[in-house]
């Protein structure tokens, strides 16, 4: 009990410092220190596996550093992942659906939500040579040229054909506490951007166009379907501090391509350097 009270007091002190230094985050800083995953049942074994996944997720969410889960020190930290959790809860993903004969409550899929004391996670980050990314996170306007066989288009905020991609990009941004926006077809036209010109557009021009789309800066990319790779080849660009960063992923579905895009953007904007 004494240890819990000490941790709670440390967390309160840290939150106070964060809010004073970053008033724009006053309502959101505690939301950084939470994560979720899907577990197949509420049994202890499944819960422990979920705690490990949530620890990886919260460390990346708070720091922006996508390299952390690959660090060798993480193996020992995952072994005691449950000890870092301040509280957790479940949501039945099949709520309202009766159990099937072959599927009892033991293996029924649930969302597992984990909440952490900021002081505890900050200590873990420090042990990994990292730190929290507490600055207000910019809203990114996505400028994405798509190519699959004869079909070429730029993802915009209007087209029905891009609805699944827009939703997927939003889903990729949420775990990192970030937001994305998309230019309208009219805004793209006004900026002279199509699937060809976008690939060579200067990032300064795209950053200016991003503000017209209600965002802070641009995340530019291209998505090309490859039969050889059996998936998409995605190239991404983002500029900050006078430097343009580039990264790529190959042979993936567009959900993973967008997760790579957002993890890379977080890596850069949090000051952790070149994405992997």
Foldseek 3Di string as FASTA:
>chain_A
DVVLVVLQVVLVVVLVVLCVVAVVCNPPPQVLQKDKDKFQADDPVRVLVGLLVGLLLSLCLFFLANCVVVDPVSVVCSVPSVVQFPDKDKDQPCPPPDADPVRDRGRGMIMMMTGGRVVSSQVVQVVVVTGGLSYDAWEAEEWEWEEEPPDTWTDAPDDPVCPVVQVLLQVLQVSNVYHYFYHHPVLCVVLVHINPVLVVDDQVSQQVSGVVRVTRGYKYKYWYADPVLCEIKMKIWDDDPRDIAIDIDTSDYSSVVSNQSNSQVSCVVSPNDHRD
